Amino acid sequence: TFMEEEDSGQRRTWLWASLAVLAALALGVQAVHRYRAELAAQLPESRAPLAEACRLLGCEVPLPRRPDLMSIDSSELQTDARREDVIVLNAVIRNRARFPQEYPSLELTLTDESERPVLRRVLAPRDYLDTGRAGALIAQGIAGGSEISFRIFLDSRHSRATGYRLYLFFPQ
């Protein structure tokens, strides 16, 4: 019986060791799943294996979202010379990251003389990208170190805005 007790103790040790290894592997898989976009951005050669694993698991490898590395370099709101009651927003978004990023959404707030909001509109990437190529552009994202410029025409009949604010953000 002495040898049997020692043998069952070894089995218990192996069982706990096996469970600990399985738990560590599960934690590693969860970490890779959670940070798959960041891993693909920092290690571009990992994107294909991550995409294949996600295909099997029913997930996607999205482009990174780093608003601290994106900026609106310039923006201008002016009346359209050809059409009354139309204003034009021209802007440039820059990706300062070394890797491609998802296109951000933009919040445009038109303000009155007292800087009070009179109209607020959220612009998704489909709203400000070239309509003919929006799907392809969204899929590839803004290349690292590059910028995009765009122009949006807005109906101003229902608001008498004198100023504006433009912010970029990534929706949750």
N, C-alpha and C. Protein backbone atom coordinates (compact mmCIF):
# COMPACT_ATOMS: atom_id res chain seq x y z
N THR A 1 0.81 -1.20 0.00
CA THR A 1 0.00 0.00 0.00
C THR A 1 0.85 1.25 0.00
N PHE A 2 2.03 1.13 0.54
CA PHE A 2 2.92 2.30 0.57
C PHE A 2 3.24 2.77 -0.85
N MET A 3 3.53 1.85 -1.75
CA MET A 3 3.85 2.18 -3.13
C MET A 3 2.63 2.72 -3.87
N GLU A 4 1.46 2.24 -3.55
CA GLU A 4 0.24 2.71 -4.19
C GLU A 4 -0.05 4.16 -3.85
N GLU A 5 0.19 4.55 -2.62
CA GLU A 5 -0.04 5.95 -2.22
C GLU A 5 0.90 6.88 -2.95
N GLU A 6 2.14 6.47 -3.08
CA GLU A 6 3.12 7.29 -3.79
C GLU A 6 2.76 7.41 -5.26
N ASP A 7 2.29 6.32 -5.85
CA ASP A 7 1.90 6.32 -7.24
C ASP A 7 0.71 7.26 -7.49
N SER A 8 -0.28 7.24 -6.61
CA SER A 8 -1.43 8.13 -6.78
C SER A 8 -1.01 9.58 -6.55
N GLY A 9 -0.03 9.84 -5.73
CA GLY A 9 0.49 11.19 -5.54
C GLY A 9 1.15 11.70 -6.81
N GLN A 10 1.86 10.82 -7.49
CA GLN A 10 2.47 11.20 -8.76
C GLN A 10 1.41 11.48 -9.82
N ARG A 11 0.36 10.67 -9.83
CA ARG A 11 -0.73 10.90 -10.77
C ARG A 11 -1.39 12.26 -10.52
N ARG A 12 -1.60 12.55 -9.24
CA ARG A 12 -2.19 13.85 -8.89
C ARG A 12 -1.29 15.00 -9.33
N THR A 13 0.01 14.88 -9.16
CA THR A 13 0.96 15.91 -9.58
C THR A 13 0.90 16.09 -11.09
N TRP A 14 0.89 14.97 -11.82
CA TRP A 14 0.80 15.05 -13.28
C TRP A 14 -0.53 15.67 -13.72
N LEU A 15 -1.58 15.33 -13.03
CA LEU A 15 -2.89 15.90 -13.36
C LEU A 15 -2.87 17.40 -13.17
N TRP A 16 -2.38 17.88 -12.03
CA TRP A 16 -2.32 19.32 -11.77
C TRP A 16 -1.38 20.02 -12.74
N ALA A 17 -0.27 19.40 -13.05
CA ALA A 17 0.67 19.99 -14.01
C ALA A 17 0.02 20.10 -15.39
N SER A 18 -0.69 19.06 -15.79
CA SER A 18 -1.38 19.08 -17.09
C SER A 18 -2.46 20.16 -17.12
N LEU A 19 -3.22 20.28 -16.04
CA LEU A 19 -4.25 21.31 -15.97
C LEU A 19 -3.63 22.71 -15.99
N ALA A 20 -2.50 22.89 -15.33
CA ALA A 20 -1.83 24.19 -15.33
C ALA A 20 -1.34 24.55 -16.73
N VAL A 21 -0.81 23.59 -17.45
CA VAL A 21 -0.35 23.82 -18.83
C VAL A 21 -1.55 24.15 -19.73
N LEU A 22 -2.64 23.43 -19.59
CA LEU A 22 -3.84 23.72 -20.37
C LEU A 22 -4.38 25.11 -20.06
N ALA A 23 -4.39 25.50 -18.79
CA ALA A 23 -4.87 26.83 -18.41
C ALA A 23 -3.96 27.91 -19.00
N ALA A 24 -2.64 27.69 -18.98
CA ALA A 24 -1.71 28.66 -19.55
C ALA A 24 -1.91 28.77 -21.06
N LEU A 25 -2.13 27.65 -21.73
CA LEU A 25 -2.40 27.67 -23.17
C LEU A 25 -3.70 28.42 -23.47
N ALA A 26 -4.74 28.16 -22.69
CA ALA A 26 -6.02 28.84 -22.90
C ALA A 26 -5.86 30.35 -22.69
N LEU A 27 -5.10 30.74 -21.69
CA LEU A 27 -4.86 32.16 -21.45
C LEU A 27 -4.08 32.77 -22.61
N GLY A 28 -3.10 32.04 -23.13
CA GLY A 28 -2.34 32.53 -24.28
C GLY A 28 -3.21 32.70 -25.51
N VAL A 29 -4.10 31.74 -25.76
CA VAL A 29 -5.01 31.83 -26.91
C VAL A 29 -5.94 33.03 -26.74
N GLN A 30 -6.45 33.24 -25.53
CA GLN A 30 -7.31 34.39 -25.28
C GLN A 30 -6.56 35.70 -25.51
N ALA A 31 -5.31 35.78 -25.08
CA ALA A 31 -4.51 37.00 -25.27
C ALA A 31 -4.27 37.25 -26.76
N VAL A 32 -3.95 36.21 -27.51
CA VAL A 32 -3.75 36.37 -28.95
C VAL A 32 -5.04 36.82 -29.61
N HIS A 33 -6.17 36.24 -29.23
CA HIS A 33 -7.46 36.63 -29.80
C HIS A 33 -7.76 38.09 -29.48
N ARG A 34 -7.56 38.49 -28.24
CA ARG A 34 -7.88 39.86 -27.82
C ARG A 34 -7.00 40.89 -28.52
N TYR A 35 -5.73 40.58 -28.69
CA TYR A 35 -4.76 41.54 -29.25
C TYR A 35 -4.34 41.19 -30.67
N ARG A 36 -5.22 40.49 -31.41
CA ARG A 36 -4.87 40.05 -32.76
C ARG A 36 -4.60 41.21 -33.71
N ALA A 37 -5.33 42.31 -33.61
CA ALA A 37 -5.09 43.46 -34.49
C ALA A 37 -3.73 44.09 -34.20
N GLU A 38 -3.41 44.23 -32.92
CA GLU A 38 -2.12 44.80 -32.53
C GLU A 38 -0.96 43.90 -32.95
N LEU A 39 -1.14 42.58 -32.77
CA LEU A 39 -0.10 41.64 -33.19
C LEU A 39 0.13 41.73 -34.70
N ALA A 40 -0.95 41.76 -35.46
CA ALA A 40 -0.83 41.84 -36.92
C ALA A 40 -0.17 43.14 -37.35
N ALA A 41 -0.41 44.23 -36.61
CA ALA A 41 0.21 45.51 -36.96
C ALA A 41 1.69 45.52 -36.63
N GLN A 42 2.06 44.99 -35.47
CA GLN A 42 3.46 45.01 -35.05
C GLN A 42 4.29 43.92 -35.74
N LEU A 43 3.66 42.81 -36.07
CA LEU A 43 4.34 41.70 -36.74
C LEU A 43 3.56 41.35 -38.00
N PRO A 44 3.76 42.11 -39.10
CA PRO A 44 2.95 41.89 -40.31
C PRO A 44 2.96 40.45 -40.82
N GLU A 45 4.04 39.71 -40.56
CA GLU A 45 4.10 38.33 -41.03
C GLU A 45 3.13 37.43 -40.26
N SER A 46 2.59 37.92 -39.15
CA SER A 46 1.63 37.12 -38.38
C SER A 46 0.19 37.29 -38.87
N ARG A 47 -0.05 38.25 -39.76
CA ARG A 47 -1.42 38.52 -40.21
C ARG A 47 -2.04 37.29 -40.90
N ALA A 48 -1.31 36.64 -41.80
CA ALA A 48 -1.86 35.49 -42.52
C ALA A 48 -2.21 34.33 -41.58
N PRO A 49 -1.31 33.92 -40.67
CA PRO A 49 -1.70 32.85 -39.75
C PRO A 49 -2.85 33.25 -38.83
N LEU A 50 -2.86 34.50 -38.38
CA LEU A 50 -3.96 34.96 -37.53
C LEU A 50 -5.28 34.95 -38.30
N ALA A 51 -5.24 35.39 -39.56
CA ALA A 51 -6.45 35.40 -40.39
C ALA A 51 -6.96 33.98 -40.61
N GLU A 52 -6.04 33.04 -40.80
CA GLU A 52 -6.44 31.64 -41.00
C GLU A 52 -7.06 31.08 -39.72
N ALA A 53 -6.46 31.37 -38.57
CA ALA A 53 -7.02 30.91 -37.30
C ALA A 53 -8.39 31.54 -37.07
N CYS A 54 -8.51 32.81 -37.40
CA CYS A 54 -9.81 33.48 -37.23
C CYS A 54 -10.86 32.91 -38.18
N ARG A 55 -10.44 32.54 -39.36
CA ARG A 55 -11.39 31.93 -40.29
C ARG A 55 -11.98 30.68 -39.67
N LEU A 56 -11.15 29.90 -39.01
CA LEU A 56 -11.63 28.67 -38.38
C LEU A 56 -12.49 28.96 -37.15
N LEU A 57 -12.18 30.06 -36.45
CA LEU A 57 -12.90 30.40 -35.22
C LEU A 57 -14.09 31.34 -35.45
N GLY A 58 -14.24 31.82 -36.68
CA GLY A 58 -15.35 32.71 -36.98
C GLY A 58 -15.13 34.14 -36.52
N CYS A 59 -13.90 34.60 -36.55
CA CYS A 59 -13.61 35.99 -36.18
C CYS A 59 -12.83 36.64 -37.33
N GLU A 60 -12.46 37.88 -37.16
CA GLU A 60 -11.69 38.61 -38.17
C GLU A 60 -10.45 39.22 -37.52
N VAL A 61 -9.48 39.56 -38.33
CA VAL A 61 -8.32 40.31 -37.85
C VAL A 61 -8.51 41.74 -38.33
N PRO A 62 -9.05 42.61 -37.46
CA PRO A 62 -9.32 43.98 -37.90
C PRO A 62 -8.04 44.79 -37.98
N LEU A 63 -8.14 45.91 -38.67
CA LEU A 63 -7.03 46.85 -38.67
C LEU A 63 -6.98 47.54 -37.31
N PRO A 64 -5.79 47.96 -36.89
CA PRO A 64 -5.68 48.63 -35.59
C PRO A 64 -6.43 49.96 -35.56
N ARG A 65 -6.76 50.38 -34.36
CA ARG A 65 -7.43 51.66 -34.11
C ARG A 65 -6.59 52.40 -33.07
N ARG A 66 -5.74 53.26 -33.50
CA ARG A 66 -4.91 54.04 -32.58
C ARG A 66 -5.16 55.52 -32.81
N PRO A 67 -6.20 56.09 -32.18
CA PRO A 67 -6.53 57.49 -32.43
C PRO A 67 -5.40 58.44 -32.05
N ASP A 68 -4.53 58.03 -31.13
CA ASP A 68 -3.41 58.88 -30.75
C ASP A 68 -2.39 59.01 -31.89
N LEU A 69 -2.46 58.12 -32.89
CA LEU A 69 -1.55 58.18 -34.03
C LEU A 69 -2.26 58.66 -35.30
N MET A 70 -3.46 59.21 -35.14
CA MET A 70 -4.21 59.77 -36.26
C MET A 70 -4.47 61.24 -35.95
N SER A 71 -4.55 62.04 -37.00
CA SER A 71 -4.86 63.46 -36.78
C SER A 71 -5.57 64.04 -37.99
N ILE A 72 -6.29 65.12 -37.72
CA ILE A 72 -6.86 65.91 -38.80
C ILE A 72 -5.84 67.02 -39.04
N ASP A 73 -5.11 66.93 -40.14
CA ASP A 73 -4.04 67.89 -40.40
C ASP A 73 -4.59 69.25 -40.82
N SER A 74 -5.66 69.24 -41.57
CA SER A 74 -6.26 70.52 -41.96
C SER A 74 -7.74 70.28 -42.25
N SER A 75 -8.51 71.33 -42.05
CA SER A 75 -9.93 71.26 -42.40
C SER A 75 -10.41 72.67 -42.69
N GLU A 76 -11.41 72.74 -43.54
CA GLU A 76 -11.95 74.03 -43.95
C GLU A 76 -13.41 73.84 -44.32
N LEU A 77 -14.25 74.74 -43.84
CA LEU A 77 -15.66 74.72 -44.18
C LEU A 77 -15.98 76.03 -44.88
N GLN A 78 -16.53 75.93 -46.08
CA GLN A 78 -16.83 77.14 -46.85
C GLN A 78 -18.12 76.94 -47.65
N THR A 79 -18.68 78.03 -48.10
CA THR A 79 -19.88 77.93 -48.94
C THR A 79 -19.48 77.49 -50.34
N ASP A 80 -20.39 76.80 -50.98
CA ASP A 80 -20.14 76.34 -52.34
C ASP A 80 -20.46 77.49 -53.29
N ALA A 81 -19.51 77.85 -54.11
CA ALA A 81 -19.68 78.98 -55.03
C ALA A 81 -20.73 78.70 -56.10
N ARG A 82 -20.96 77.42 -56.41
CA ARG A 82 -21.89 77.08 -57.48
C ARG A 82 -23.32 76.86 -57.01
N ARG A 83 -23.49 76.52 -55.72
CA ARG A 83 -24.83 76.20 -55.23
C ARG A 83 -25.11 76.93 -53.91
N GLU A 84 -26.22 77.64 -53.90
CA GLU A 84 -26.65 78.31 -52.68
C GLU A 84 -27.15 77.25 -51.69
N ASP A 85 -27.03 77.50 -50.43
CA ASP A 85 -27.46 76.60 -49.36
C ASP A 85 -26.67 75.29 -49.31
N VAL A 86 -25.47 75.29 -49.86
CA VAL A 86 -24.59 74.13 -49.77
C VAL A 86 -23.26 74.62 -49.21
N ILE A 87 -22.76 73.89 -48.21
CA ILE A 87 -21.43 74.18 -47.69
C ILE A 87 -20.54 72.98 -47.96
N VAL A 88 -19.25 73.24 -48.06
CA VAL A 88 -18.29 72.21 -48.41
C VAL A 88 -17.27 72.06 -47.29
N LEU A 89 -17.08 70.83 -46.84
CA LEU A 89 -16.05 70.53 -45.87
C LEU A 89 -14.90 69.86 -46.59
N ASN A 90 -13.72 70.47 -46.52
CA ASN A 90 -12.49 69.89 -47.05
C ASN A 90 -11.61 69.55 -45.84
N ALA A 91 -11.05 68.36 -45.83
CA ALA A 91 -10.21 67.96 -44.69
C ALA A 91 -9.15 66.96 -45.13
N VAL A 92 -8.11 66.87 -44.31
CA VAL A 92 -7.03 65.91 -44.53
C VAL A 92 -6.82 65.13 -43.23
N ILE A 93 -6.87 63.80 -43.32
CA ILE A 93 -6.60 62.93 -42.18
C ILE A 93 -5.25 62.28 -42.40
N ARG A 94 -4.41 62.29 -41.37
CA ARG A 94 -3.07 61.69 -41.45
C ARG A 94 -2.95 60.53 -40.48
N ASN A 95 -2.37 59.44 -40.98
CA ASN A 95 -2.02 58.29 -40.15
C ASN A 95 -0.53 58.39 -39.85
N ARG A 96 -0.17 58.72 -38.62
CA ARG A 96 1.23 58.88 -38.24
C ARG A 96 1.86 57.55 -37.80
N ALA A 97 1.08 56.49 -37.77
CA ALA A 97 1.61 55.18 -37.39
C ALA A 97 2.43 54.59 -38.54
N ARG A 98 3.25 53.60 -38.21
CA ARG A 98 4.05 52.90 -39.23
C ARG A 98 3.24 51.81 -39.92
N PHE A 99 2.03 51.56 -39.44
CA PHE A 99 1.21 50.47 -39.94
C PHE A 99 -0.14 51.02 -40.41
N PRO A 100 -0.83 50.26 -41.27
CA PRO A 100 -2.16 50.72 -41.71
C PRO A 100 -3.14 50.71 -40.54
N GLN A 101 -4.07 51.64 -40.58
CA GLN A 101 -5.10 51.72 -39.55
C GLN A 101 -6.47 51.80 -40.20
N GLU A 102 -7.46 51.46 -39.40
CA GLU A 102 -8.85 51.59 -39.82
C GLU A 102 -9.18 53.07 -40.02
N TYR A 103 -10.05 53.35 -40.97
CA TYR A 103 -10.51 54.73 -41.16
C TYR A 103 -11.36 55.13 -39.95
N PRO A 104 -11.14 56.32 -39.42
CA PRO A 104 -11.95 56.75 -38.27
C PRO A 104 -13.30 57.30 -38.71
N SER A 105 -14.19 57.42 -37.76
CA SER A 105 -15.43 58.19 -37.96
C SER A 105 -15.10 59.64 -37.60
N LEU A 106 -15.89 60.56 -38.10
CA LEU A 106 -15.69 61.98 -37.82
C LEU A 106 -16.96 62.56 -37.24
N GLU A 107 -16.80 63.42 -36.27
CA GLU A 107 -17.95 64.15 -35.73
C GLU A 107 -17.82 65.59 -36.17
N LEU A 108 -18.77 66.04 -36.96
CA LEU A 108 -18.82 67.41 -37.42
C LEU A 108 -19.92 68.14 -36.66
N THR A 109 -19.55 69.22 -36.00
CA THR A 109 -20.51 70.03 -35.27
C THR A 109 -20.51 71.42 -35.86
N LEU A 110 -21.63 71.85 -36.41
CA LEU A 110 -21.77 73.22 -36.91
C LEU A 110 -22.23 74.08 -35.74
N THR A 111 -21.63 75.27 -35.63
CA THR A 111 -21.92 76.14 -34.49
C THR A 111 -22.42 77.51 -34.96
N ASP A 112 -23.10 78.21 -34.04
CA ASP A 112 -23.57 79.56 -34.33
C ASP A 112 -22.52 80.59 -33.88
N GLU A 113 -22.91 81.87 -33.89
CA GLU A 113 -21.98 82.95 -33.53
C GLU A 113 -21.45 82.81 -32.11
N SER A 114 -22.22 82.18 -31.23
CA SER A 114 -21.82 82.02 -29.82
C SER A 114 -21.14 80.67 -29.57
N GLU A 115 -20.76 79.99 -30.63
CA GLU A 115 -20.11 78.68 -30.54
C GLU A 115 -21.03 77.59 -29.98
N ARG A 116 -22.34 77.83 -30.00
CA ARG A 116 -23.30 76.82 -29.58
C ARG A 116 -23.58 75.90 -30.76
N PRO A 117 -23.68 74.58 -30.50
CA PRO A 117 -23.98 73.64 -31.59
C PRO A 117 -25.36 73.88 -32.19
N VAL A 118 -25.43 73.92 -33.51
CA VAL A 118 -26.72 74.02 -34.18
C VAL A 118 -27.03 72.74 -34.96
N LEU A 119 -25.98 71.98 -35.29
CA LEU A 119 -26.16 70.73 -36.01
C LEU A 119 -24.94 69.85 -35.74
N ARG A 120 -25.20 68.59 -35.45
CA ARG A 120 -24.11 67.64 -35.21
C ARG A 120 -24.36 66.43 -36.09
N ARG A 121 -23.30 65.99 -36.74
CA ARG A 121 -23.43 64.83 -37.63
C ARG A 121 -22.19 63.96 -37.51
N VAL A 122 -22.40 62.66 -37.42
CA VAL A 122 -21.29 61.71 -37.41
C VAL A 122 -21.13 61.19 -38.83
N LEU A 123 -19.91 61.26 -39.32
CA LEU A 123 -19.59 60.80 -40.67
C LEU A 123 -18.79 59.50 -40.58
N ALA A 124 -19.38 58.43 -41.07
CA ALA A 124 -18.67 57.16 -41.14
C ALA A 124 -17.74 57.20 -42.36
N PRO A 125 -16.75 56.32 -42.40
CA PRO A 125 -15.84 56.32 -43.56
C PRO A 125 -16.57 56.27 -44.90
N ARG A 126 -17.67 55.53 -44.99
CA ARG A 126 -18.44 55.46 -46.25
C ARG A 126 -19.00 56.82 -46.65
N ASP A 127 -19.17 57.72 -45.66
CA ASP A 127 -19.72 59.05 -45.95
C ASP A 127 -18.69 60.00 -46.55
N TYR A 128 -17.42 59.78 -46.26
CA TYR A 128 -16.42 60.74 -46.76
C TYR A 128 -15.43 60.16 -47.76
N LEU A 129 -15.44 58.85 -47.97
CA LEU A 129 -14.55 58.26 -48.97
C LEU A 129 -15.21 58.24 -50.34
N ASP A 130 -14.41 58.10 -51.37
CA ASP A 130 -14.89 57.99 -52.75
C ASP A 130 -15.90 56.85 -52.83
N THR A 131 -17.13 57.18 -53.17
CA THR A 131 -18.22 56.20 -53.12
C THR A 131 -17.96 54.98 -54.02
N GLY A 132 -17.29 55.16 -55.12
CA GLY A 132 -17.03 54.04 -56.02
C GLY A 132 -16.03 53.05 -55.46
N ARG A 133 -15.14 53.51 -54.61
CA ARG A 133 -14.08 52.63 -54.09
C ARG A 133 -14.12 52.50 -52.57
N ALA A 134 -15.16 52.96 -51.91
CA ALA A 134 -15.20 53.00 -50.45
C ALA A 134 -14.96 51.63 -49.83
N GLY A 135 -15.61 50.59 -50.35
CA GLY A 135 -15.44 49.25 -49.79
C GLY A 135 -14.00 48.78 -49.80
N ALA A 136 -13.34 48.94 -50.95
CA ALA A 136 -11.94 48.51 -51.06
C ALA A 136 -11.03 49.36 -50.18
N LEU A 137 -11.28 50.66 -50.14
CA LEU A 137 -10.47 51.55 -49.31
C LEU A 137 -10.62 51.21 -47.83
N ILE A 138 -11.84 50.97 -47.40
CA ILE A 138 -12.09 50.64 -45.99
C ILE A 138 -11.39 49.34 -45.62
N ALA A 139 -11.42 48.36 -46.50
CA ALA A 139 -10.80 47.06 -46.22
C ALA A 139 -9.28 47.18 -46.04
N GLN A 140 -8.63 48.04 -46.82
CA GLN A 140 -7.17 48.15 -46.71
C GLN A 140 -6.74 49.19 -45.69
N GLY A 141 -7.63 50.10 -45.29
CA GLY A 141 -7.29 51.10 -44.28
C GLY A 141 -6.38 52.20 -44.81
N ILE A 142 -6.03 53.11 -43.92
CA ILE A 142 -5.10 54.19 -44.27
C ILE A 142 -3.69 53.66 -44.07
N ALA A 143 -2.89 53.67 -45.11
CA ALA A 143 -1.53 53.15 -45.04
C ALA A 143 -0.71 53.91 -44.01
N GLY A 144 0.25 53.22 -43.43
CA GLY A 144 1.12 53.85 -42.45
C GLY A 144 1.87 55.03 -43.05
N GLY A 145 1.91 56.14 -42.31
CA GLY A 145 2.63 57.33 -42.75
C GLY A 145 1.99 58.07 -43.90
N SER A 146 0.73 57.81 -44.18
CA SER A 146 0.08 58.47 -45.32
C SER A 146 -1.08 59.34 -44.86
N GLU A 147 -1.68 60.01 -45.81
CA GLU A 147 -2.83 60.86 -45.53
C GLU A 147 -3.87 60.71 -46.62
N ILE A 148 -5.10 61.09 -46.28
CA ILE A 148 -6.16 61.12 -47.28
C ILE A 148 -6.84 62.48 -47.18
N SER A 149 -7.25 62.98 -48.30
CA SER A 149 -8.01 64.23 -48.30
C SER A 149 -9.40 63.91 -48.87
N PHE A 150 -10.37 64.67 -48.42
CA PHE A 150 -11.73 64.43 -48.89
C PHE A 150 -12.52 65.73 -48.87
N ARG A 151 -13.64 65.67 -49.56
CA ARG A 151 -14.56 66.81 -49.68
C ARG A 151 -15.97 66.28 -49.50
N ILE A 152 -16.74 66.96 -48.64
CA ILE A 152 -18.13 66.58 -48.40
C ILE A 152 -19.00 67.80 -48.61
N PHE A 153 -20.10 67.60 -49.32
CA PHE A 153 -21.07 68.67 -49.56
C PHE A 153 -22.23 68.49 -48.58
N LEU A 154 -22.60 69.56 -47.89
CA LEU A 154 -23.65 69.50 -46.88
C LEU A 154 -24.73 70.53 -47.18
N ASP A 155 -25.96 70.13 -46.99
CA ASP A 155 -27.10 71.04 -47.16
C ASP A 155 -27.16 71.97 -45.95
N SER A 156 -27.14 73.26 -46.18
CA SER A 156 -27.15 74.23 -45.06
C SER A 156 -28.45 75.03 -45.00
N ARG A 157 -29.48 74.58 -45.67
CA ARG A 157 -30.75 75.32 -45.68
C ARG A 157 -31.38 75.44 -44.30
N HIS A 158 -31.24 74.41 -43.48
CA HIS A 158 -31.94 74.38 -42.20
C HIS A 158 -31.10 74.86 -41.03
N SER A 159 -29.92 75.34 -41.29
CA SER A 159 -29.10 75.85 -40.19
C SER A 159 -28.28 77.03 -40.68
N ARG A 160 -28.12 77.96 -39.83
CA ARG A 160 -27.30 79.13 -40.13
C ARG A 160 -26.03 79.05 -39.29
N ALA A 161 -25.16 78.17 -39.70
CA ALA A 161 -23.91 77.97 -38.96
C ALA A 161 -22.88 79.00 -39.39
N THR A 162 -22.09 79.40 -38.41
CA THR A 162 -21.00 80.33 -38.71
C THR A 162 -19.64 79.72 -38.40
N GLY A 163 -19.62 78.60 -37.71
CA GLY A 163 -18.37 77.93 -37.37
C GLY A 163 -18.57 76.43 -37.33
N TYR A 164 -17.50 75.73 -36.99
CA TYR A 164 -17.59 74.27 -36.93
C TYR A 164 -16.48 73.70 -36.06
N ARG A 165 -16.68 72.47 -35.64
CA ARG A 165 -15.65 71.67 -34.96
C ARG A 165 -15.64 70.30 -35.63
N LEU A 166 -14.47 69.73 -35.78
CA LEU A 166 -14.33 68.43 -36.42
C LEU A 166 -13.42 67.57 -35.57
N TYR A 167 -13.91 66.40 -35.15
CA TYR A 167 -13.14 65.47 -34.34
C TYR A 167 -13.14 64.11 -35.00
N LEU A 168 -12.04 63.38 -34.83
CA LEU A 168 -12.02 61.99 -35.31
C LEU A 168 -12.11 61.07 -34.10
N PHE A 169 -12.74 59.92 -34.29
CA PHE A 169 -12.87 58.93 -33.22
C PHE A 169 -13.17 57.57 -33.84
N PHE A 170 -13.02 56.55 -33.02
CA PHE A 170 -13.38 55.20 -33.43
C PHE A 170 -14.57 54.76 -32.60
N PRO A 171 -15.69 54.44 -33.23
CA PRO A 171 -16.86 53.99 -32.46
C PRO A 171 -16.57 52.66 -31.78
N GLN A 172 -17.26 52.43 -30.70
CA GLN A 172 -17.06 51.19 -29.94
C GLN A 172 -17.65 50.01 -30.63
